[in-house]
C-alpha atoms as a PDB file:
ATOM      1  CA  MET A   1     -15.999  11.029  15.311  1.00  0.00           C
ATOM      2  CA  THR A   2     -13.130  10.668  12.850  1.00  0.00           C
ATOM      3  CA  SER A   3     -13.150  12.228   9.448  1.00  0.00           C
ATOM      4  CA  GLN A   4     -13.028  10.033   6.346  1.00  0.00           C
ATOM      5  CA  PHE A   5      -9.498  11.344   5.667  1.00  0.00           C
ATOM      6  CA  THR A   6      -8.282  10.331   9.169  1.00  0.00           C
ATOM      7  CA  GLN A   7     -10.065   6.911   8.922  1.00  0.00           C
ATOM      8  CA  ARG A   8      -8.524   6.178   5.565  1.00  0.00           C
ATOM      9  CA  ARG A   9      -5.074   7.191   6.811  1.00  0.00           C
ATOM     10  CA  GLU A  10      -5.508   4.799   9.831  1.00  0.00           C
ATOM     11  CA  CYS A  11      -6.689   2.114   7.409  1.00  0.00           C
ATOM     12  CA  ARG A  12      -3.697   2.570   5.165  1.00  0.00           C
ATOM     13  CA  ALA A  13      -1.369   2.309   8.188  1.00  0.00           C
ATOM     14  CA  ALA A  14      -3.134  -0.864   9.338  1.00  0.00           C
ATOM     15  CA  ALA A  15      -3.037  -2.345   5.753  1.00  0.00           C
ATOM     16  CA  PHE A  16       0.669  -1.532   5.471  1.00  0.00           C
ATOM     17  CA  GLN A  17       1.417  -3.142   8.839  1.00  0.00           C
ATOM     18  CA  TYR A  18      -0.442  -6.333   7.823  1.00  0.00           C
ATOM     19  CA  LEU A  19       1.223  -6.456   4.367  1.00  0.00           C
ATOM     20  CA  TYR A  20       4.578  -6.113   6.035  1.00  0.00           C
ATOM     21  CA  ALA A  21       3.912  -8.969   8.431  1.00  0.00           C
ATOM     22  CA  TRP A  22       2.460 -11.022   5.552  1.00  0.00           C
ATOM     23  CA  SER A  23       5.668 -10.498   3.541  1.00  0.00           C
ATOM     24  CA  VAL A  24       7.785 -11.732   6.420  1.00  0.00           C
ATOM     25  CA  ASN A  25       5.667 -14.720   7.407  1.00  0.00           C
ATOM     26  CA  GLN A  26       2.701 -15.756   5.241  1.00  0.00           C
ATOM     27  CA  PRO A  27       0.012 -17.343   7.405  1.00  0.00           C
ATOM     28  CA  ALA A  28      -1.479 -20.779   6.929  1.00  0.00           C
ATOM     29  CA  SER A  29      -4.975 -19.203   7.299  1.00  0.00           C
ATOM     30  CA  MET A  30      -5.303 -15.582   6.166  1.00  0.00           C
ATOM     31  CA  THR A  31      -8.862 -15.483   7.635  1.00  0.00           C
ATOM     32  CA  GLU A  32      -7.633 -16.417  11.090  1.00  0.00           C
ATOM     33  CA  ASP A  33      -4.576 -14.178  10.758  1.00  0.00           C
ATOM     34  CA  LEU A  34      -6.681 -11.225   9.864  1.00  0.00           C
ATOM     35  CA  ARG A  35      -9.083 -11.855  12.703  1.00  0.00           C
ATOM     36  CA  LEU A  36      -6.153 -11.872  15.159  1.00  0.00           C
ATOM     37  CA  PHE A  37      -4.642  -8.801  13.529  1.00  0.00           C
ATOM     38  CA  PHE A  38      -7.763  -6.658  13.674  1.00  0.00           C
ATOM     39  CA  GLU A  39      -8.512  -7.921  17.245  1.00  0.00           C
ATOM     40  CA  HIS A  40      -5.351  -6.116  18.474  1.00  0.00           C
ATOM     41  CA  LEU A  41      -6.077  -2.743  16.875  1.00  0.00           C
ATOM     42  CA  GLU A  42      -7.625   0.205  18.643  1.00  0.00           C
ATOM     43  CA  GLN A  43     -10.917   0.444  16.777  1.00  0.00           C
ATOM     44  CA  PRO A  44     -13.490  -2.298  16.071  1.00  0.00           C
ATOM     45  CA  ARG A  45     -12.899  -4.351  12.934  1.00  0.00           C
ATOM     46  CA  ASP A  46     -15.580  -2.606  10.853  1.00  0.00           C
ATOM     47  CA  HIS A  47     -13.677   0.656  11.298  1.00  0.00           C
ATOM     48  CA  TYR A  48     -10.923  -0.963   9.140  1.00  0.00           C
ATOM     49  CA  ALA A  49     -13.109  -2.098   6.206  1.00  0.00           C
ATOM     50  CA  PHE A  50     -11.017   0.025   3.783  1.00  0.00           C
ATOM     51  CA  ALA A  51      -7.883  -1.621   5.142  1.00  0.00           C
ATOM     52  CA  GLU A  52      -9.292  -5.057   4.547  1.00  0.00           C
ATOM     53  CA  GLU A  53     -10.122  -4.089   0.925  1.00  0.00           C
ATOM     54  CA  LEU A  54      -6.487  -2.856   0.438  1.00  0.00           C
ATOM     55  CA  ILE A  55      -4.986  -6.008   2.074  1.00  0.00           C
ATOM     56  CA  HIS A  56      -7.059  -8.483   0.048  1.00  0.00           C
ATOM     57  CA  GLY A  57      -6.485  -6.473  -3.231  1.00  0.00           C
ATOM     58  CA  ALA A  58      -2.740  -6.074  -2.748  1.00  0.00           C
ATOM     59  CA  ILE A  59      -2.284  -9.780  -1.913  1.00  0.00           C
ATOM     60  CA  GLU A  60      -4.564 -10.946  -4.712  1.00  0.00           C
ATOM     61  CA  HIS A  61      -2.500  -8.911  -7.245  1.00  0.00           C
ATOM     62  CA  VAL A  62       0.903  -9.247  -5.615  1.00  0.00           C
ATOM     63  CA  GLU A  63       2.591 -10.920  -8.572  1.00  0.00           C
ATOM     64  CA  GLU A  64       1.478  -8.247 -11.016  1.00  0.00           C
ATOM     65  CA  ILE A  65       2.301  -5.484  -8.586  1.00  0.00           C
ATOM     66  CA  ASP A  66       5.791  -6.928  -7.913  1.00  0.00           C
ATOM     67  CA  GLY A  67       6.302  -7.140 -11.661  1.00  0.00           C
ATOM     68  CA  HIS A  68       5.601  -3.411 -11.937  1.00  0.00           C
ATOM     69  CA  ILE A  69       8.010  -2.718  -9.023  1.00  0.00           C
ATOM     70  CA  LYS A  70      10.751  -4.844 -10.597  1.00  0.00           C
ATOM     71  CA  SER A  71      10.374  -2.993 -13.914  1.00  0.00           C
ATOM     72  CA  LEU A  72      10.347   0.487 -12.293  1.00  0.00           C
ATOM     73  CA  ALA A  73      13.103   0.031  -9.730  1.00  0.00           C
ATOM     74  CA  HIS A  74      15.944   1.035 -12.007  1.00  0.00           C
ATOM     75  CA  ASN A  75      19.360  -0.279 -11.034  1.00  0.00           C
ATOM     76  CA  TRP A  76      17.909  -1.958  -7.962  1.00  0.00           C
ATOM     77  CA  GLU A  77      17.550  -5.676  -7.404  1.00  0.00           C
ATOM     78  CA  PHE A  78      14.041  -6.551  -6.239  1.00  0.00           C
ATOM     79  CA  GLU A  79      15.383  -8.880  -3.436  1.00  0.00           C
ATOM     80  CA  ARG A  80      17.257  -5.899  -1.947  1.00  0.00           C
ATOM     81  CA  VAL A  81      14.097  -3.794  -1.489  1.00  0.00           C
ATOM     82  CA  ALA A  82      13.479  -3.500   2.272  1.00  0.00           C
ATOM     83  CA  LYS A  83      10.385  -5.467   3.329  1.00  0.00           C
ATOM     84  CA  ILE A  84       8.955  -2.274   4.843  1.00  0.00           C
ATOM     85  CA  ASP A  85       9.358  -0.366   1.621  1.00  0.00           C
ATOM     86  CA  LEU A  86       8.025  -3.223  -0.324  1.00  0.00           C
ATOM     87  CA  ALA A  87       4.813  -3.331   1.752  1.00  0.00           C
ATOM     88  CA  ILE A  88       4.368   0.433   1.199  1.00  0.00           C
ATOM     89  CA  LEU A  89       4.951   0.051  -2.496  1.00  0.00           C
ATOM     90  CA  ARG A  90       2.518  -2.827  -2.817  1.00  0.00           C
ATOM     91  CA  LEU A  91      -0.193  -0.915  -0.973  1.00  0.00           C
ATOM     92  CA  ALA A  92       0.246   2.269  -3.118  1.00  0.00           C
ATOM     93  CA  MET A  93       0.578   0.312  -6.364  1.00  0.00           C
ATOM     94  CA  PHE A  94      -2.637  -1.564  -5.653  1.00  0.00           C
ATOM     95  CA  GLU A  95      -4.449   1.758  -5.176  1.00  0.00           C
ATOM     96  CA  MET A  96      -2.985   3.279  -8.256  1.00  0.00           C
ATOM     97  CA  LEU A  97      -3.720   0.295 -10.488  1.00  0.00           C
ATOM     98  CA  TYR A  98      -7.120  -0.837  -9.132  1.00  0.00           C
ATOM     99  CA  ARG A  99      -8.748   1.929  -7.124  1.00  0.00           C
ATOM    100  CA  LYS A 100      -9.634   4.454  -9.795  1.00  0.00           C
ATOM    101  CA  ASP A 101     -11.725   6.343  -7.230  1.00  0.00           C
ATOM    102  CA  ILE A 102      -8.466   7.430  -5.576  1.00  0.00           C
ATOM    103  CA  PRO A 103      -6.292   9.953  -7.424  1.00  0.00           C
ATOM    104  CA  PRO A 104      -2.762   8.525  -7.915  1.00  0.00           C
ATOM    105  CA  VAL A 105      -1.135  11.556  -6.201  1.00  0.00           C
ATOM    106  CA  VAL A 106      -3.101  10.737  -3.016  1.00  0.00           C
ATOM    107  CA  SER A 107      -1.719   7.228  -3.109  1.00  0.00           C
ATOM    108  CA  ILE A 108       1.816   8.571  -3.638  1.00  0.00           C
ATOM    109  CA  ASN A 109       1.506  11.112  -0.816  1.00  0.00           C
ATOM    110  CA  GLU A 110       0.145   8.580   1.586  1.00  0.00           C
ATOM    111  CA  ALA A 111       2.969   6.128   0.653  1.00  0.00           C
ATOM    112  CA  ILE A 112       5.600   8.824   1.308  1.00  0.00           C
ATOM    113  CA  ASP A 113       3.989   9.657   4.674  1.00  0.00           C
ATOM    114  CA  LEU A 114       4.043   5.974   5.665  1.00  0.00           C
ATOM    115  CA  SER A 115       7.729   5.779   4.642  1.00  0.00           C
ATOM    116  CA  LYS A 116       8.562   8.883   6.762  1.00  0.00           C
ATOM    117  CA  GLN A 117       6.901   7.216   9.739  1.00  0.00           C
ATOM    118  CA  TYR A 118       8.065   3.632   9.424  1.00  0.00           C
ATOM    119  CA  SER A 119      11.138   3.467   7.182  1.00  0.00           C
ATOM    120  CA  SER A 120      14.558   4.955   6.730  1.00  0.00           C
ATOM    121  CA  ALA A 121      15.274   8.503   5.786  1.00  0.00           C
ATOM    122  CA  ASP A 122      16.216   7.555   2.256  1.00  0.00           C
ATOM    123  CA  ALA A 123      13.128   5.407   1.650  1.00  0.00           C
ATOM    124  CA  LYS A 124      10.792   8.302   0.646  1.00  0.00           C
ATOM    125  CA  ARG A 125      12.953   9.188  -2.349  1.00  0.00           C
ATOM    126  CA  PHE A 126      13.135   5.576  -3.521  1.00  0.00           C
ATOM    127  CA  ILE A 127       9.376   5.048  -3.033  1.00  0.00           C
ATOM    128  CA  ASN A 128       8.494   8.381  -4.614  1.00  0.00           C
ATOM    129  CA  GLY A 129      10.698   7.605  -7.625  1.00  0.00           C
ATOM    130  CA  ILE A 130       9.002   4.224  -8.332  1.00  0.00           C
ATOM    131  CA  LEU A 131       5.503   5.505  -7.749  1.00  0.00           C
ATOM    132  CA  ASP A 132       6.078   8.590  -9.821  1.00  0.00           C
ATOM    133  CA  ARG A 133       7.203   6.422 -12.800  1.00  0.00           C
ATOM    134  CA  MET A 134       4.091   4.247 -12.230  1.00  0.00           C
ATOM    135  CA  LYS A 135       1.855   7.366 -12.264  1.00  0.00           C
ATOM    136  CA  ASP A 136       3.283   8.369 -15.645  1.00  0.00           C
ATOM    137  CA  LYS A 137       2.413   4.988 -17.105  1.00  0.00           C
ATOM    138  CA  LEU A 138      -1.266   4.991 -15.881  1.00  0.00           C
ATOM    139  CA  GLY A 139      -2.566   7.208 -18.691  1.00  0.00           C
ATOM    140  CA  ARG A 140      -5.043   9.093 -16.500  1.00  0.00           C
ATOM    141  CA  ASP A 141      -5.163  12.370 -14.678  1.00  0.00           C
ATOM    142  CA  SER A 142      -3.096  11.868 -11.566  1.00  0.00           C
ATOM    143  CA  ARG A 143      -4.971  14.432  -9.542  1.00  0.00           C
ATOM    144  CA  LYS A 144      -8.505  13.294 -10.104  1.00  0.00           C
ATOM    145  CA  PRO A 145     -10.465  10.108  -9.444  1.00  0.00           C
ATOM    146  CA  THR A 146     -12.108   8.370 -12.411  1.00  0.00           C
ATOM    147  CA  THR A 147     -15.432   6.749 -12.568  1.00  0.00           C
ATOM    148  CA  GLU A 148     -14.727   3.863 -14.966  1.00  0.00           C
END
């Protein structure tokens, strides 16, 4: 039996992987693409319900999220952001902006952990810088969930 923490971490990794693939090659049918994606993971699809929420939310709000990334990536052209780092940023930004039940520092820490595992050595500083600036703009306690 996995703990909620472990399951959420697995879900974030799955959501990141899907968002990365989606950014490289957007499918004709997201429903079919998600079915195939989850079919190849270790656990049954219902185990990844949180991942599906994150995937749908990040893609639904991708234009707004990308706008935030563009405005916060000082001295960095958006087109130059590595697709892996962009997928991590989109995932974390979605959580920070739309999942008030998750403290922003949790989203930031999880994003940094994903960058350590999947991206370059310098990525964690870049990702942390952007997400830290986003955290400061949220206007809420970064260490506590809210129940709005």
